[in-house]
Amino acid sequence: MEKITVGERAALERLIGHAQRETGQARRVADFLLAWWNPSNCGGFDITTAWGLDEEIAADVVTVFGLAVRCNSYPDTLGYKNQFEHIVRAWRPELVS
C-alpha cells in the first residue's frame, strides 16, 4: 500500500463523509470520487462541477486529486474499498449487482 500523508488521508476521509450525505455538494463529491474509482463505469468528472463546491471541500478535492496522481493507485488499493463500495451503492445503484 502506498504511503498516504496525514493531510491526504484527512482530506480523503472528509470527502468520503461528504459523499455519504444527501446534498447537492455530496453528489458533486461522489462524482469526483467515483471518477477516480472507476471512470469507465461511474463516469468522468467535469471540472466545472467543482464550481458548486464550498471552498474547503474544493481544497480537499485538489488534495485528493494530487494523492491519486502521486500514488498512481485506485482508492481500494489504499484501503478504502468498503467506503467506495458504499458510495457506489448510494450514488450509482444501477451498477450494483
PDB file of N, CA and C in Angstrom:
ATOM      1  N   MET A   1       0.851  -1.180   0.000  1.00  0.00           N
ATOM      2  CA  MET A   1       0.000   0.000   0.000  1.00  0.00           C
ATOM      3  C   MET A   1       0.894   1.239   0.000  1.00  0.00           C
ATOM      4  N   GLU A   2       0.492   2.228  -0.802  1.00  0.00           N
ATOM      5  CA  GLU A   2       1.232   3.473  -0.887  1.00  0.00           C
ATOM      6  C   GLU A   2       1.111   4.260   0.414  1.00  0.00           C
ATOM      7  N   LYS A   3       2.099   5.055   0.692  1.00  0.00           N
ATOM      8  CA  LYS A   3       2.097   5.914   1.869  1.00  0.00           C
ATOM      9  C   LYS A   3       1.225   7.138   1.600  1.00  0.00           C
ATOM     10  N   ILE A   4       0.242   7.333   2.436  1.00  0.00           N
ATOM     11  CA  ILE A   4      -0.638   8.494   2.342  1.00  0.00           C
ATOM     12  C   ILE A   4      -0.267   9.437   3.481  1.00  0.00           C
ATOM     13  N   THR A   5      -0.106  10.705   3.176  1.00  0.00           N
ATOM     14  CA  THR A   5       0.211  11.658   4.230  1.00  0.00           C
ATOM     15  C   THR A   5      -1.012  11.867   5.126  1.00  0.00           C
ATOM     16  N   VAL A   6      -0.765  12.403   6.290  1.00  0.00           N
ATOM     17  CA  VAL A   6      -1.854  12.684   7.229  1.00  0.00           C
ATOM     18  C   VAL A   6      -2.858  13.645   6.594  1.00  0.00           C
ATOM     19  N   GLY A   7      -2.356  14.667   5.910  1.00  0.00           N
ATOM     20  CA  GLY A   7      -3.248  15.637   5.264  1.00  0.00           C
ATOM     21  C   GLY A   7      -4.069  15.027   4.146  1.00  0.00           C
ATOM     22  N   GLU A   8      -3.443  14.164   3.352  1.00  0.00           N
ATOM     23  CA  GLU A   8      -4.170  13.492   2.269  1.00  0.00           C
ATOM     24  C   GLU A   8      -5.243  12.572   2.829  1.00  0.00           C
ATOM     25  N   ARG A   9      -4.896  11.810   3.851  1.00  0.00           N
ATOM     26  CA  ARG A   9      -5.868  10.898   4.465  1.00  0.00           C
ATOM     27  C   ARG A   9      -7.046  11.684   5.035  1.00  0.00           C
ATOM     28  N   ALA A  10      -6.758  12.778   5.716  1.00  0.00           N
ATOM     29  CA  ALA A  10      -7.827  13.594   6.300  1.00  0.00           C
ATOM     30  C   ALA A  10      -8.737  14.161   5.210  1.00  0.00           C
ATOM     31  N   ALA A  11      -8.139  14.665   4.122  1.00  0.00           N
ATOM     32  CA  ALA A  11      -8.934  15.218   3.021  1.00  0.00           C
ATOM     33  C   ALA A  11      -9.801  14.135   2.391  1.00  0.00           C
ATOM     34  N   LEU A  12      -9.227  12.972   2.133  1.00  0.00           N
ATOM     35  CA  LEU A  12      -9.981  11.871   1.529  1.00  0.00           C
ATOM     36  C   LEU A  12     -11.123  11.439   2.435  1.00  0.00           C
ATOM     37  N   GLU A  13     -10.864  11.319   3.706  1.00  0.00           N
ATOM     38  CA  GLU A  13     -11.910  10.872   4.623  1.00  0.00           C
ATOM     39  C   GLU A  13     -13.009  11.920   4.785  1.00  0.00           C
ATOM     40  N   ARG A  14     -12.643  13.195   4.709  1.00  0.00           N
ATOM     41  CA  ARG A  14     -13.692  14.234   4.729  1.00  0.00           C
ATOM     42  C   ARG A  14     -14.561  14.133   3.480  1.00  0.00           C
ATOM     43  N   LEU A  15     -13.918  13.918   2.323  1.00  0.00           N
ATOM     44  CA  LEU A  15     -14.693  13.785   1.085  1.00  0.00           C
ATOM     45  C   LEU A  15     -15.589  12.563   1.124  1.00  0.00           C
ATOM     46  N   ILE A  16     -15.092  11.460   1.634  1.00  0.00           N
ATOM     47  CA  ILE A  16     -15.919  10.260   1.759  1.00  0.00           C
ATOM     48  C   ILE A  16     -17.131  10.566   2.644  1.00  0.00           C
ATOM     49  N   GLY A  17     -16.915  11.275   3.728  1.00  0.00           N
ATOM     50  CA  GLY A  17     -18.027  11.668   4.602  1.00  0.00           C
ATOM     51  C   GLY A  17     -19.042  12.537   3.871  1.00  0.00           C
ATOM     52  N   HIS A  18     -18.561  13.496   3.095  1.00  0.00           N
ATOM     53  CA  HIS A  18     -19.468  14.355   2.321  1.00  0.00           C
ATOM     54  C   HIS A  18     -20.263  13.533   1.308  1.00  0.00           C
ATOM     55  N   ALA A  19     -19.591  12.593   0.648  1.00  0.00           N
ATOM     56  CA  ALA A  19     -20.254  11.784  -0.390  1.00  0.00           C
ATOM     57  C   ALA A  19     -21.338  10.885   0.182  1.00  0.00           C
ATOM     58  N   GLN A  20     -21.322  10.662   1.470  1.00  0.00           N
ATOM     59  CA  GLN A  20     -22.303   9.784   2.100  1.00  0.00           C
ATOM     60  C   GLN A  20     -23.525  10.543   2.596  1.00  0.00           C
ATOM     61  N   ARG A  21     -23.595  11.830   2.280  1.00  0.00           N
ATOM     62  CA  ARG A  21     -24.761  12.636   2.641  1.00  0.00           C
ATOM     63  C   ARG A  21     -25.684  12.749   1.431  1.00  0.00           C
ATOM     64  N   GLU A  22     -26.787  13.422   1.609  1.00  0.00           N
ATOM     65  CA  GLU A  22     -27.728  13.616   0.504  1.00  0.00           C
ATOM     66  C   GLU A  22     -27.910  15.099   0.248  1.00  0.00           C
ATOM     67  N   THR A  23     -26.885  15.706  -0.321  1.00  0.00           N
ATOM     68  CA  THR A  23     -26.929  17.124  -0.649  1.00  0.00           C
ATOM     69  C   THR A  23     -26.392  17.316  -2.065  1.00  0.00           C
ATOM     70  N   GLY A  24     -26.570  18.497  -2.604  1.00  0.00           N
ATOM     71  CA  GLY A  24     -26.019  18.804  -3.921  1.00  0.00           C
ATOM     72  C   GLY A  24     -24.504  18.691  -3.926  1.00  0.00           C
ATOM     73  N   GLN A  25     -23.870  19.155  -2.871  1.00  0.00           N
ATOM     74  CA  GLN A  25     -22.416  19.039  -2.792  1.00  0.00           C
ATOM     75  C   GLN A  25     -21.994  17.581  -2.643  1.00  0.00           C
ATOM     76  N   ALA A  26     -22.803  16.794  -1.959  1.00  0.00           N
ATOM     77  CA  ALA A  26     -22.490  15.365  -1.802  1.00  0.00           C
ATOM     78  C   ALA A  26     -22.443  14.688  -3.162  1.00  0.00           C
ATOM     79  N   ARG A  27     -23.371  15.003  -4.011  1.00  0.00           N
ATOM     80  CA  ARG A  27     -23.385  14.419  -5.359  1.00  0.00           C
ATOM     81  C   ARG A  27     -22.131  14.822  -6.122  1.00  0.00           C
ATOM     82  N   ARG A  28     -21.735  16.065  -6.030  1.00  0.00           N
ATOM     83  CA  ARG A  28     -20.532  16.517  -6.718  1.00  0.00           C
ATOM     84  C   ARG A  28     -19.289  15.797  -6.201  1.00  0.00           C
ATOM     85  N   VAL A  29     -19.196  15.666  -4.889  1.00  0.00           N
ATOM     86  CA  VAL A  29     -18.062  14.960  -4.287  1.00  0.00           C
ATOM     87  C   VAL A  29     -18.083  13.491  -4.692  1.00  0.00           C
ATOM     88  N   ALA A  30     -19.249  12.865  -4.654  1.00  0.00           N
ATOM     89  CA  ALA A  30     -19.360  11.469  -5.065  1.00  0.00           C
ATOM     90  C   ALA A  30     -18.946  11.306  -6.523  1.00  0.00           C
ATOM     91  N   ASP A  31     -19.367  12.218  -7.375  1.00  0.00           N
ATOM     92  CA  ASP A  31     -18.969  12.147  -8.790  1.00  0.00           C
ATOM     93  C   ASP A  31     -17.451  12.200  -8.935  1.00  0.00           C
ATOM     94  N   PHE A  32     -16.811  13.081  -8.184  1.00  0.00           N
ATOM     95  CA  PHE A  32     -15.352  13.181  -8.219  1.00  0.00           C
ATOM     96  C   PHE A  32     -14.701  11.875  -7.749  1.00  0.00           C
ATOM     97  N   LEU A  33     -15.137  11.384  -6.595  1.00  0.00           N
ATOM     98  CA  LEU A  33     -14.534  10.168  -6.053  1.00  0.00           C
ATOM     99  C   LEU A  33     -14.772   8.965  -6.959  1.00  0.00           C
ATOM    100  N   LEU A  34     -15.965   8.852  -7.502  1.00  0.00           N
ATOM    101  CA  LEU A  34     -16.271   7.710  -8.357  1.00  0.00           C
ATOM    102  C   LEU A  34     -15.558   7.782  -9.701  1.00  0.00           C
ATOM    103  N   ALA A  35     -15.232   8.983 -10.149  1.00  0.00           N
ATOM    104  CA  ALA A  35     -14.434   9.113 -11.370  1.00  0.00           C
ATOM    105  C   ALA A  35     -13.034   8.554 -11.144  1.00  0.00           C
ATOM    106  N   TRP A  36     -12.541   8.627  -9.922  1.00  0.00           N
ATOM    107  CA  TRP A  36     -11.252   8.027  -9.569  1.00  0.00           C
ATOM    108  C   TRP A  36     -11.411   6.515  -9.434  1.00  0.00           C
ATOM    109  N   TRP A  37     -12.475   6.094  -8.794  1.00  0.00           N
ATOM    110  CA  TRP A  37     -12.725   4.669  -8.516  1.00  0.00           C
ATOM    111  C   TRP A  37     -12.847   3.864  -9.802  1.00  0.00           C
ATOM    112  N   ASN A  38     -13.720   4.325 -10.722  1.00  0.00           N
ATOM    113  CA  ASN A  38     -13.948   3.572 -11.952  1.00  0.00           C
ATOM    114  C   ASN A  38     -14.602   4.489 -12.981  1.00  0.00           C
ATOM    115  N   PRO A  39     -13.809   5.292 -13.673  1.00  0.00           N
ATOM    116  CA  PRO A  39     -14.402   6.278 -14.587  1.00  0.00           C
ATOM    117  C   PRO A  39     -15.168   5.671 -15.752  1.00  0.00           C
ATOM    118  N   SER A  40     -14.776   4.491 -16.212  1.00  0.00           N
ATOM    119  CA  SER A  40     -15.489   3.913 -17.352  1.00  0.00           C
ATOM    120  C   SER A  40     -16.896   3.484 -16.986  1.00  0.00           C
ATOM    121  N   ASN A  41     -17.121   3.067 -15.756  1.00  0.00           N
ATOM    122  CA  ASN A  41     -18.464   2.661 -15.320  1.00  0.00           C
ATOM    123  C   ASN A  41     -19.204   3.761 -14.560  1.00  0.00           C
ATOM    124  N   CYS A  42     -18.479   4.539 -13.789  1.00  0.00           N
ATOM    125  CA  CYS A  42     -19.116   5.529 -12.918  1.00  0.00           C
ATOM    126  C   CYS A  42     -19.173   6.921 -13.522  1.00  0.00           C
ATOM    127  N   GLY A  43     -18.485   7.124 -14.631  1.00  0.00           N
ATOM    128  CA  GLY A  43     -18.488   8.428 -15.274  1.00  0.00           C
ATOM    129  C   GLY A  43     -17.277   9.253 -14.896  1.00  0.00           C
ATOM    130  N   GLY A  44     -16.981  10.195 -15.754  1.00  0.00           N
ATOM    131  CA  GLY A  44     -15.873  11.102 -15.508  1.00  0.00           C
ATOM    132  C   GLY A  44     -16.307  12.244 -14.606  1.00  0.00           C
ATOM    133  N   PHE A  45     -15.425  13.201 -14.450  1.00  0.00           N
ATOM    134  CA  PHE A  45     -15.719  14.350 -13.601  1.00  0.00           C
ATOM    135  C   PHE A  45     -15.473  15.620 -14.392  1.00  0.00           C
ATOM    136  N   ASP A  46     -16.534  16.368 -14.645  1.00  0.00           N
ATOM    137  CA  ASP A  46     -16.447  17.664 -15.305  1.00  0.00           C
ATOM    138  C   ASP A  46     -15.906  18.661 -14.279  1.00  0.00           C
ATOM    139  N   ILE A  47     -14.748  19.214 -14.560  1.00  0.00           N
ATOM    140  CA  ILE A  47     -14.092  20.090 -13.584  1.00  0.00           C
ATOM    141  C   ILE A  47     -14.952  21.285 -13.202  1.00  0.00           C
ATOM    142  N   THR A  48     -15.847  21.725 -14.088  1.00  0.00           N
ATOM    143  CA  THR A  48     -16.708  22.852 -13.738  1.00  0.00           C
ATOM    144  C   THR A  48     -17.716  22.479 -12.653  1.00  0.00           C
ATOM    145  N   THR A  49     -17.898  21.195 -12.414  1.00  0.00           N
ATOM    146  CA  THR A  49     -18.758  20.742 -11.322  1.00  0.00           C
ATOM    147  C   THR A  49     -18.231  21.262  -9.987  1.00  0.00           C
ATOM    148  N   ALA A  50     -16.918  21.406  -9.889  1.00  0.00           N
ATOM    149  CA  ALA A  50     -16.308  21.876  -8.640  1.00  0.00           C
ATOM    150  C   ALA A  50     -16.670  23.330  -8.339  1.00  0.00           C
ATOM    151  N   TRP A  51     -17.178  24.053  -9.316  1.00  0.00           N
ATOM    152  CA  TRP A  51     -17.586  25.428  -9.067  1.00  0.00           C
ATOM    153  C   TRP A  51     -18.705  25.491  -8.036  1.00  0.00           C
ATOM    154  N   GLY A  52     -19.452  24.406  -7.871  1.00  0.00           N
ATOM    155  CA  GLY A  52     -20.550  24.382  -6.914  1.00  0.00           C
ATOM    156  C   GLY A  52     -20.158  23.890  -5.535  1.00  0.00           C
ATOM    157  N   LEU A  53     -18.861  23.731  -5.302  1.00  0.00           N
ATOM    158  CA  LEU A  53     -18.391  23.241  -4.001  1.00  0.00           C
ATOM    159  C   LEU A  53     -17.966  24.388  -3.101  1.00  0.00           C
ATOM    160  N   ASP A  54     -18.172  24.212  -1.806  1.00  0.00           N
ATOM    161  CA  ASP A  54     -17.611  25.155  -0.851  1.00  0.00           C
ATOM    162  C   ASP A  54     -16.093  25.147  -0.989  1.00  0.00           C
ATOM    163  N   GLU A  55     -15.466  26.232  -0.614  1.00  0.00           N
ATOM    164  CA  GLU A  55     -14.025  26.383  -0.769  1.00  0.00           C
ATOM    165  C   GLU A  55     -13.243  25.285  -0.043  1.00  0.00           C
ATOM    166  N   GLU A  56     -13.681  24.916   1.145  1.00  0.00           N
ATOM    167  CA  GLU A  56     -12.978  23.887   1.923  1.00  0.00           C
ATOM    168  C   GLU A  56     -13.076  22.520   1.246  1.00  0.00           C
ATOM    169  N   ILE A  57     -14.235  22.213   0.719  1.00  0.00           N
ATOM    170  CA  ILE A  57     -14.418  20.938   0.032  1.00  0.00           C
ATOM    171  C   ILE A  57     -13.602  20.929  -1.256  1.00  0.00           C
ATOM    172  N   ALA A  58     -13.605  22.036  -1.974  1.00  0.00           N
ATOM    173  CA  ALA A  58     -12.806  22.127  -3.204  1.00  0.00           C
ATOM    174  C   ALA A  58     -11.325  21.930  -2.905  1.00  0.00           C
ATOM    175  N   ALA A  59     -10.850  22.465  -1.784  1.00  0.00           N
ATOM    176  CA  ALA A  59      -9.446  22.273  -1.402  1.00  0.00           C
ATOM    177  C   ALA A  59      -9.161  20.795  -1.151  1.00  0.00           C
ATOM    178  N   ASP A  60     -10.105  20.089  -0.540  1.00  0.00           N
ATOM    179  CA  ASP A  60      -9.930  18.651  -0.320  1.00  0.00           C
ATOM    180  C   ASP A  60      -9.910  17.898  -1.649  1.00  0.00           C
ATOM    181  N   VAL A  61     -10.733  18.314  -2.598  1.00  0.00           N
ATOM    182  CA  VAL A  61     -10.725  17.695  -3.929  1.00  0.00           C
ATOM    183  C   VAL A  61      -9.348  17.852  -4.566  1.00  0.00           C
ATOM    184  N   VAL A  62      -8.783  19.039  -4.471  1.00  0.00           N
ATOM    185  CA  VAL A  62      -7.449  19.279  -5.035  1.00  0.00           C
ATOM    186  C   VAL A  62      -6.418  18.384  -4.363  1.00  0.00           C
ATOM    187  N   THR A  63      -6.489  18.257  -3.055  1.00  0.00           N
ATOM    188  CA  THR A  63      -5.556  17.406  -2.316  1.00  0.00           C
ATOM    189  C   THR A  63      -5.686  15.951  -2.736  1.00  0.00           C
ATOM    190  N   VAL A  64      -6.906  15.475  -2.847  1.00  0.00           N
ATOM    191  CA  VAL A  64      -7.125  14.073  -3.207  1.00  0.00           C
ATOM    192  C   VAL A  64      -6.753  13.820  -4.666  1.00  0.00           C
ATOM    193  N   PHE A  65      -6.979  14.781  -5.531  1.00  0.00           N
ATOM    194  CA  PHE A  65      -6.515  14.633  -6.913  1.00  0.00           C
ATOM    195  C   PHE A  65      -4.993  14.460  -6.928  1.00  0.00           C
ATOM    196  N   GLY A  66      -4.300  15.270  -6.146  1.00  0.00           N
ATOM    197  CA  GLY A  66      -2.848  15.133  -6.039  1.00  0.00           C
ATOM    198  C   GLY A  66      -2.440  13.777  -5.505  1.00  0.00           C
ATOM    199  N   LEU A  67      -3.174  13.266  -4.526  1.00  0.00           N
ATOM    200  CA  LEU A  67      -2.914  11.930  -3.987  1.00  0.00           C
ATOM    201  C   LEU A  67      -3.056  10.872  -5.072  1.00  0.00           C
ATOM    202  N   ALA A  68      -4.140  10.931  -5.817  1.00  0.00           N
ATOM    203  CA  ALA A  68      -4.386   9.935  -6.869  1.00  0.00           C
ATOM    204  C   ALA A  68      -3.278   9.966  -7.914  1.00  0.00           C
ATOM    205  N   VAL A  69      -2.841  11.162  -8.283  1.00  0.00           N
ATOM    206  CA  VAL A  69      -1.775  11.297  -9.277  1.00  0.00           C
ATOM    207  C   VAL A  69      -0.451  10.783  -8.720  1.00  0.00           C
ATOM    208  N   ARG A  70      -0.139  11.162  -7.494  1.00  0.00           N
ATOM    209  CA  ARG A  70       1.132  10.776  -6.886  1.00  0.00           C
ATOM    210  C   ARG A  70       1.239   9.276  -6.658  1.00  0.00           C
ATOM    211  N   CYS A  71       0.162   8.674  -6.203  1.00  0.00           N
ATOM    212  CA  CYS A  71       0.197   7.248  -5.862  1.00  0.00           C
ATOM    213  C   CYS A  71      -0.012   6.330  -7.054  1.00  0.00           C
ATOM    214  N   ASN A  72      -0.558   6.863  -8.151  1.00  0.00           N
ATOM    215  CA  ASN A  72      -0.884   6.012  -9.300  1.00  0.00           C
ATOM    216  C   ASN A  72      -1.667   4.781  -8.850  1.00  0.00           C
ATOM    217  N   SER A  73      -2.633   5.001  -8.006  1.00  0.00           N
ATOM    218  CA  SER A  73      -3.392   3.902  -7.412  1.00  0.00           C
ATOM    219  C   SER A  73      -4.869   4.240  -7.355  1.00  0.00           C
ATOM    220  N   TYR A  74      -5.675   3.192  -7.333  1.00  0.00           N
ATOM    221  CA  TYR A  74      -7.103   3.351  -7.092  1.00  0.00           C
ATOM    222  C   TYR A  74      -7.348   3.338  -5.592  1.00  0.00           C
ATOM    223  N   PRO A  75      -8.463   3.908  -5.147  1.00  0.00           N
ATOM    224  CA  PRO A  75      -8.699   4.017  -3.703  1.00  0.00           C
ATOM    225  C   PRO A  75      -8.796   2.684  -2.980  1.00  0.00           C
ATOM    226  N   ASP A  76      -9.236   1.625  -3.667  1.00  0.00           N
ATOM    227  CA  ASP A  76      -9.328   0.331  -2.980  1.00  0.00           C
ATOM    228  C   ASP A  76      -7.951  -0.178  -2.576  1.00  0.00           C
ATOM    229  N   THR A  77      -6.922   0.135  -3.368  1.00  0.00           N
ATOM    230  CA  THR A  77      -5.575  -0.311  -3.026  1.00  0.00           C
ATOM    231  C   THR A  77      -4.976   0.523  -1.899  1.00  0.00           C
ATOM    232  N   LEU A  78      -5.647   1.614  -1.565  1.00  0.00           N
ATOM    233  CA  LEU A  78      -5.198   2.466  -0.466  1.00  0.00           C
ATOM    234  C   LEU A  78      -5.978   2.181   0.812  1.00  0.00           C
ATOM    235  N   GLY A  79      -6.817   1.147   0.779  1.00  0.00           N
ATOM    236  CA  GLY A  79      -7.546   0.743   1.976  1.00  0.00           C
ATOM    237  C   GLY A  79      -8.947   1.302   2.091  1.00  0.00           C
ATOM    238  N   TYR A  80      -9.518   1.794   0.995  1.00  0.00           N
ATOM    239  CA  TYR A  80     -10.832   2.427   1.035  1.00  0.00           C
ATOM    240  C   TYR A  80     -11.886   1.698   0.208  1.00  0.00           C
ATOM    241  N   LYS A  81     -11.701   0.418  -0.015  1.00  0.00           N
ATOM    242  CA  LYS A  81     -12.633  -0.342  -0.845  1.00  0.00           C
ATOM    243  C   LYS A  81     -14.058  -0.292  -0.292  1.00  0.00           C
ATOM    244  N   ASN A  82     -14.232  -0.571   0.981  1.00  0.00           N
ATOM    245  CA  ASN A  82     -15.572  -0.609   1.561  1.00  0.00           C
ATOM    246  C   ASN A  82     -16.276   0.745   1.469  1.00  0.00           C
ATOM    247  N   GLN A  83     -15.540   1.814   1.741  1.00  0.00           N
ATOM    248  CA  GLN A  83     -16.137   3.138   1.686  1.00  0.00           C
ATOM    249  C   GLN A  83     -16.571   3.481   0.269  1.00  0.00           C
ATOM    250  N   PHE A  84     -15.760   3.120  -0.731  1.00  0.00           N
ATOM    251  CA  PHE A  84     -16.120   3.429  -2.109  1.00  0.00           C
ATOM    252  C   PHE A  84     -17.264   2.547  -2.590  1.00  0.00           C
ATOM    253  N   GLU A  85     -17.317   1.315  -2.147  1.00  0.00           N
ATOM    254  CA  GLU A  85     -18.460   0.469  -2.490  1.00  0.00           C
ATOM    255  C   GLU A  85     -19.747   1.066  -1.935  1.00  0.00           C
ATOM    256  N   HIS A  86     -19.684   1.621  -0.750  1.00  0.00           N
ATOM    257  CA  HIS A  86     -20.848   2.282  -0.154  1.00  0.00           C
ATOM    258  C   HIS A  86     -21.280   3.471  -1.003  1.00  0.00           C
ATOM    259  N   ILE A  87     -20.320   4.259  -1.478  1.00  0.00           N
ATOM    260  CA  ILE A  87     -20.636   5.412  -2.324  1.00  0.00           C
ATOM    261  C   ILE A  87     -21.258   4.952  -3.641  1.00  0.00           C
ATOM    262  N   VAL A  88     -20.747   3.877  -4.207  1.00  0.00           N
ATOM    263  CA  VAL A  88     -21.329   3.336  -5.443  1.00  0.00           C
ATOM    264  C   VAL A  88     -22.779   2.929  -5.189  1.00  0.00           C
ATOM    265  N   ARG A  89     -23.036   2.229  -4.098  1.00  0.00           N
ATOM    266  CA  ARG A  89     -24.411   1.802  -3.782  1.00  0.00           C
ATOM    267  C   ARG A  89     -25.339   3.010  -3.619  1.00  0.00           C
ATOM    268  N   ALA A  90     -24.828   4.070  -3.029  1.00  0.00           N
ATOM    269  CA  ALA A  90     -25.655   5.246  -2.776  1.00  0.00           C
ATOM    270  C   ALA A  90     -25.910   6.070  -4.037  1.00  0.00           C
ATOM    271  N   TRP A  91     -24.877   6.250  -4.878  1.00  0.00           N
ATOM    272  CA  TRP A  91     -24.976   7.172  -5.997  1.00  0.00           C
ATOM    273  C   TRP A  91     -25.052   6.514  -7.360  1.00  0.00           C
ATOM    274  N   ARG A  92     -24.682   5.251  -7.450  1.00  0.00           N
ATOM    275  CA  ARG A  92     -24.770   4.515  -8.720  1.00  0.00           C
ATOM    276  C   ARG A  92     -25.396   3.140  -8.480  1.00  0.00           C
ATOM    277  N   PRO A  93     -26.592   3.098  -7.893  1.00  0.00           N
ATOM    278  CA  PRO A  93     -27.195   1.808  -7.537  1.00  0.00           C
ATOM    279  C   PRO A  93     -27.382   0.877  -8.741  1.00  0.00           C
ATOM    280  N   GLU A  94     -27.495   1.451  -9.924  1.00  0.00           N
ATOM    281  CA  GLU A  94     -27.664   0.614 -11.119  1.00  0.00           C
ATOM    282  C   GLU A  94     -26.425  -0.228 -11.417  1.00  0.00           C
ATOM    283  N   LEU A  95     -25.302   0.117 -10.797  1.00  0.00           N
ATOM    284  CA  LEU A  95     -24.055  -0.646 -11.028  1.00  0.00           C
ATOM    285  C   LEU A  95     -23.878  -1.793 -10.043  1.00  0.00           C
ATOM    286  N   VAL A  96     -24.721  -1.837  -9.024  1.00  0.00           N
ATOM    287  CA  VAL A  96     -24.613  -2.880  -8.008  1.00  0.00           C
ATOM    288  C   VAL A  96     -25.390  -4.103  -8.478  1.00  0.00           C
ATOM    289  N   SER A  97     -24.692  -5.233  -8.495  1.00  0.00           N
ATOM    290  CA  SER A  97     -25.388  -6.458  -8.953  1.00  0.00           C
ATOM    291  C   SER A  97     -25.740  -7.366  -7.809  1.00  0.00           C
TER     292      SER A  97
END
